[in-house]
Amino acid sequence: MPDHEGNGGWHLSKSLSLTHLFSTLAIVVAGFTYMGDLEQDILRNTLAHEALIQTVERNQDWNTSVFGEIKTMLSSISDRLDKLADRR
């Protein structure tokens, strides 16, 4: 096979340069670090989401009880107004 180094042909080398090795290692480490940080962010967001759901549920329970009290008060006021109207 003729040597094509001088005429611009393809040349494949079986050697492994240290810069290529270090850059590949850096990319792999960066990828694992990114995935680890991403997993932590997902966990943090999941916990925050669950806390928000609990807060909304507590607010809904509180609103239900308050609206129940308001309905009771309005019913009482309505009864009193009916009694006042019946007296006249």
N, C-alpha and C. Protein backbone atom coordinates (compact mmCIF):
# COMPACT_ATOMS: atom_id res chain seq x y z
N MET A 1 0.83 -1.18 0.00
CA MET A 1 0.00 0.00 0.00
C MET A 1 0.88 1.25 0.00
N PRO A 2 0.62 2.18 -0.86
CA PRO A 2 1.47 3.37 -0.92
C PRO A 2 1.19 4.31 0.25
N ASP A 3 2.21 5.04 0.62
CA ASP A 3 2.09 6.02 1.72
C ASP A 3 1.53 7.32 1.15
N HIS A 4 0.40 7.81 1.72
CA HIS A 4 -0.28 9.00 1.18
C HIS A 4 -0.09 10.23 2.06
N GLU A 5 0.96 10.28 2.84
CA GLU A 5 1.14 11.42 3.74
C GLU A 5 1.44 12.71 2.99
N GLY A 6 2.15 12.64 1.92
CA GLY A 6 2.57 13.84 1.23
C GLY A 6 1.53 14.43 0.32
N ASN A 7 0.53 13.67 -0.12
CA ASN A 7 -0.39 14.20 -1.11
C ASN A 7 -1.79 14.52 -0.55
N GLY A 8 -1.95 14.66 0.74
CA GLY A 8 -3.22 15.09 1.32
C GLY A 8 -4.23 13.98 1.48
N GLY A 9 -3.84 12.73 1.35
CA GLY A 9 -4.78 11.63 1.53
C GLY A 9 -5.05 11.36 3.01
N TRP A 10 -5.94 10.43 3.26
CA TRP A 10 -6.28 10.10 4.63
C TRP A 10 -5.12 9.40 5.31
N HIS A 11 -4.98 9.71 6.59
CA HIS A 11 -3.96 9.04 7.37
C HIS A 11 -4.56 8.71 8.73
N LEU A 12 -4.58 7.46 9.07
CA LEU A 12 -5.09 7.03 10.37
C LEU A 12 -3.92 6.58 11.22
N SER A 13 -3.92 7.06 12.45
CA SER A 13 -2.85 6.71 13.36
C SER A 13 -3.43 5.90 14.51
N LYS A 14 -2.73 4.88 14.92
CA LYS A 14 -3.20 4.06 16.04
C LYS A 14 -2.72 4.60 17.38
N SER A 15 -2.00 5.67 17.38
CA SER A 15 -1.51 6.23 18.64
C SER A 15 -2.63 7.00 19.32
N LEU A 16 -2.50 7.14 20.62
CA LEU A 16 -3.49 7.84 21.44
C LEU A 16 -2.81 9.00 22.11
N SER A 17 -3.21 10.20 21.77
CA SER A 17 -2.56 11.37 22.36
C SER A 17 -3.11 11.63 23.76
N LEU A 18 -2.28 12.19 24.61
CA LEU A 18 -2.68 12.49 25.98
C LEU A 18 -3.76 13.56 26.03
N THR A 19 -3.72 14.52 25.14
CA THR A 19 -4.75 15.57 25.14
C THR A 19 -6.12 14.98 24.82
N HIS A 20 -6.15 14.03 23.89
CA HIS A 20 -7.42 13.38 23.57
C HIS A 20 -7.92 12.58 24.77
N LEU A 21 -7.03 11.89 25.43
CA LEU A 21 -7.40 11.11 26.61
C LEU A 21 -7.93 12.01 27.73
N PHE A 22 -7.22 13.10 28.00
CA PHE A 22 -7.66 14.03 29.06
C PHE A 22 -8.98 14.71 28.70
N SER A 23 -9.15 15.10 27.47
CA SER A 23 -10.39 15.77 27.09
C SER A 23 -11.57 14.80 27.16
N THR A 24 -11.37 13.55 26.76
CA THR A 24 -12.44 12.56 26.86
C THR A 24 -12.78 12.30 28.32
N LEU A 25 -11.76 12.18 29.15
CA LEU A 25 -12.00 11.98 30.58
C LEU A 25 -12.74 13.17 31.19
N ALA A 26 -12.37 14.38 30.79
CA ALA A 26 -13.03 15.58 31.30
C ALA A 26 -14.50 15.61 30.88
N ILE A 27 -14.78 15.22 29.65
CA ILE A 27 -16.17 15.20 29.18
C ILE A 27 -16.99 14.16 29.96
N VAL A 28 -16.40 13.00 30.22
CA VAL A 28 -17.10 11.96 30.97
C VAL A 28 -17.37 12.43 32.40
N VAL A 29 -16.37 13.03 33.05
CA VAL A 29 -16.56 13.53 34.41
C VAL A 29 -17.61 14.63 34.43
N ALA A 30 -17.55 15.54 33.47
CA ALA A 30 -18.55 16.61 33.40
C ALA A 30 -19.95 16.05 33.19
N GLY A 31 -20.07 15.02 32.38
CA GLY A 31 -21.38 14.40 32.15
C GLY A 31 -21.94 13.78 33.42
N PHE A 32 -21.10 13.05 34.15
CA PHE A 32 -21.57 12.45 35.41
C PHE A 32 -21.91 13.51 36.44
N THR A 33 -21.12 14.57 36.49
CA THR A 33 -21.41 15.67 37.43
C THR A 33 -22.74 16.33 37.07
N TYR A 34 -22.95 16.57 35.79
CA TYR A 34 -24.20 17.18 35.34
C TYR A 34 -25.39 16.30 35.69
N MET A 35 -25.26 15.00 35.44
CA MET A 35 -26.37 14.09 35.74
C MET A 35 -26.63 14.02 37.24
N GLY A 36 -25.58 14.05 38.05
CA GLY A 36 -25.76 14.05 39.50
C GLY A 36 -26.47 15.31 39.97
N ASP A 37 -26.04 16.46 39.44
CA ASP A 37 -26.70 17.72 39.80
C ASP A 37 -28.15 17.74 39.33
N LEU A 38 -28.38 17.19 38.16
CA LEU A 38 -29.74 17.14 37.63
C LEU A 38 -30.63 16.27 38.51
N GLU A 39 -30.09 15.16 38.99
CA GLU A 39 -30.85 14.28 39.88
C GLU A 39 -31.19 14.99 41.19
N GLN A 40 -30.22 15.74 41.73
CA GLN A 40 -30.47 16.50 42.96
C GLN A 40 -31.53 17.57 42.74
N ASP A 41 -31.47 18.24 41.61
CA ASP A 41 -32.47 19.26 41.29
C ASP A 41 -33.86 18.65 41.17
N ILE A 42 -33.94 17.48 40.56
CA ILE A 42 -35.24 16.81 40.42
C ILE A 42 -35.78 16.43 41.79
N LEU A 43 -34.91 15.92 42.66
CA LEU A 43 -35.34 15.56 44.01
C LEU A 43 -35.82 16.79 44.78
N ARG A 44 -35.06 17.89 44.66
CA ARG A 44 -35.46 19.13 45.35
C ARG A 44 -36.81 19.63 44.84
N ASN A 45 -37.00 19.60 43.54
CA ASN A 45 -38.27 20.04 42.96
C ASN A 45 -39.42 19.13 43.35
N THR A 46 -39.16 17.83 43.45
CA THR A 46 -40.20 16.90 43.87
C THR A 46 -40.63 17.19 45.30
N LEU A 47 -39.66 17.43 46.17
CA LEU A 47 -40.00 17.74 47.57
C LEU A 47 -40.75 19.06 47.67
N ALA A 48 -40.33 20.05 46.91
CA ALA A 48 -41.02 21.34 46.92
C ALA A 48 -42.44 21.18 46.38
N HIS A 49 -42.61 20.37 45.37
CA HIS A 49 -43.94 20.14 44.79
C HIS A 49 -44.85 19.46 45.81
N GLU A 50 -44.32 18.47 46.51
CA GLU A 50 -45.13 17.79 47.53
C GLU A 50 -45.51 18.75 48.66
N ALA A 51 -44.59 19.63 49.04
CA ALA A 51 -44.90 20.62 50.08
C ALA A 51 -45.99 21.57 49.61
N LEU A 52 -45.93 21.98 48.35
CA LEU A 52 -46.97 22.86 47.81
C LEU A 52 -48.32 22.16 47.75
N ILE A 53 -48.32 20.89 47.40
CA ILE A 53 -49.58 20.13 47.37
C ILE A 53 -50.18 20.07 48.77
N GLN A 54 -49.36 19.82 49.78
CA GLN A 54 -49.86 19.77 51.15
C GLN A 54 -50.41 21.13 51.58
N THR A 55 -49.74 22.19 51.20
CA THR A 55 -50.20 23.54 51.54
C THR A 55 -51.55 23.82 50.89
N VAL A 56 -51.69 23.47 49.63
CA VAL A 56 -52.95 23.68 48.92
C VAL A 56 -54.07 22.87 49.57
N GLU A 57 -53.77 21.62 49.95
CA GLU A 57 -54.79 20.79 50.59
C GLU A 57 -55.22 21.38 51.94
N ARG A 58 -54.25 21.88 52.72
CA ARG A 58 -54.59 22.53 54.00
C ARG A 58 -55.45 23.76 53.76
N ASN A 59 -55.10 24.55 52.73
CA ASN A 59 -55.88 25.75 52.42
C ASN A 59 -57.30 25.38 51.98
N GLN A 60 -57.42 24.31 51.21
CA GLN A 60 -58.75 23.88 50.78
C GLN A 60 -59.58 23.42 51.98
N ASP A 61 -58.96 22.69 52.90
CA ASP A 61 -59.69 22.27 54.11
C ASP A 61 -60.12 23.47 54.93
N TRP A 62 -59.22 24.44 55.07
CA TRP A 62 -59.54 25.63 55.85
C TRP A 62 -60.67 26.40 55.17
N ASN A 63 -60.58 26.56 53.84
CA ASN A 63 -61.63 27.28 53.11
C ASN A 63 -62.98 26.58 53.25
N THR A 64 -62.96 25.26 53.20
CA THR A 64 -64.21 24.51 53.35
C THR A 64 -64.82 24.75 54.71
N SER A 65 -64.00 24.73 55.76
CA SER A 65 -64.54 24.95 57.10
C SER A 65 -65.04 26.39 57.27
N VAL A 66 -64.30 27.35 56.73
CA VAL A 66 -64.71 28.76 56.85
C VAL A 66 -66.00 29.00 56.07
N PHE A 67 -66.09 28.45 54.87
CA PHE A 67 -67.31 28.62 54.09
C PHE A 67 -68.50 27.95 54.77
N GLY A 68 -68.25 26.83 55.46
CA GLY A 68 -69.31 26.19 56.23
C GLY A 68 -69.80 27.09 57.35
N GLU A 69 -68.86 27.73 58.04
CA GLU A 69 -69.24 28.66 59.10
C GLU A 69 -70.00 29.85 58.53
N ILE A 70 -69.57 30.36 57.39
CA ILE A 70 -70.25 31.50 56.76
C ILE A 70 -71.67 31.10 56.38
N LYS A 71 -71.84 29.89 55.82
CA LYS A 71 -73.19 29.44 55.46
C LYS A 71 -74.07 29.34 56.70
N THR A 72 -73.50 28.85 57.81
CA THR A 72 -74.27 28.74 59.05
C THR A 72 -74.68 30.13 59.54
N MET A 73 -73.74 31.08 59.49
CA MET A 73 -74.05 32.45 59.92
C MET A 73 -75.11 33.07 59.03
N LEU A 74 -75.00 32.89 57.71
CA LEU A 74 -75.99 33.45 56.80
C LEU A 74 -77.36 32.84 57.03
N SER A 75 -77.39 31.55 57.31
CA SER A 75 -78.67 30.90 57.61
C SER A 75 -79.28 31.48 58.88
N SER A 76 -78.42 31.70 59.89
CA SER A 76 -78.90 32.28 61.14
C SER A 76 -79.43 33.70 60.90
N ILE A 77 -78.71 34.50 60.11
CA ILE A 77 -79.15 35.86 59.80
C ILE A 77 -80.46 35.82 59.02
N SER A 78 -80.56 34.90 58.09
CA SER A 78 -81.79 34.77 57.31
C SER A 78 -82.97 34.42 58.21
N ASP A 79 -82.76 33.49 59.15
CA ASP A 79 -83.82 33.12 60.08
C ASP A 79 -84.24 34.32 60.92
N ARG A 80 -83.29 35.08 61.40
CA ARG A 80 -83.61 36.26 62.22
C ARG A 80 -84.38 37.30 61.41
N LEU A 81 -83.97 37.49 60.15
CA LEU A 81 -84.69 38.44 59.31
C LEU A 81 -86.12 37.98 59.05
N ASP A 82 -86.29 36.67 58.85
CA ASP A 82 -87.64 36.14 58.66
C ASP A 82 -88.49 36.37 59.90
N LYS A 83 -87.92 36.17 61.07
CA LYS A 83 -88.67 36.39 62.32
C LYS A 83 -89.02 37.86 62.48
N LEU A 84 -88.07 38.76 62.11
CA LEU A 84 -88.37 40.19 62.20
C LEU A 84 -89.46 40.59 61.21
N ALA A 85 -89.43 39.99 60.01
CA ALA A 85 -90.44 40.31 59.02
C ALA A 85 -91.80 39.78 59.44
N ASP A 86 -91.85 38.63 60.11
CA ASP A 86 -93.10 38.06 60.57
C ASP A 86 -93.71 38.88 61.70
N ARG A 87 -92.92 39.55 62.50
CA ARG A 87 -93.42 40.36 63.62
C ARG A 87 -94.14 41.61 63.10
N ARG A 88 -93.75 42.12 61.97
CA ARG A 88 -94.33 43.38 61.50
C ARG A 88 -95.54 43.11 60.74
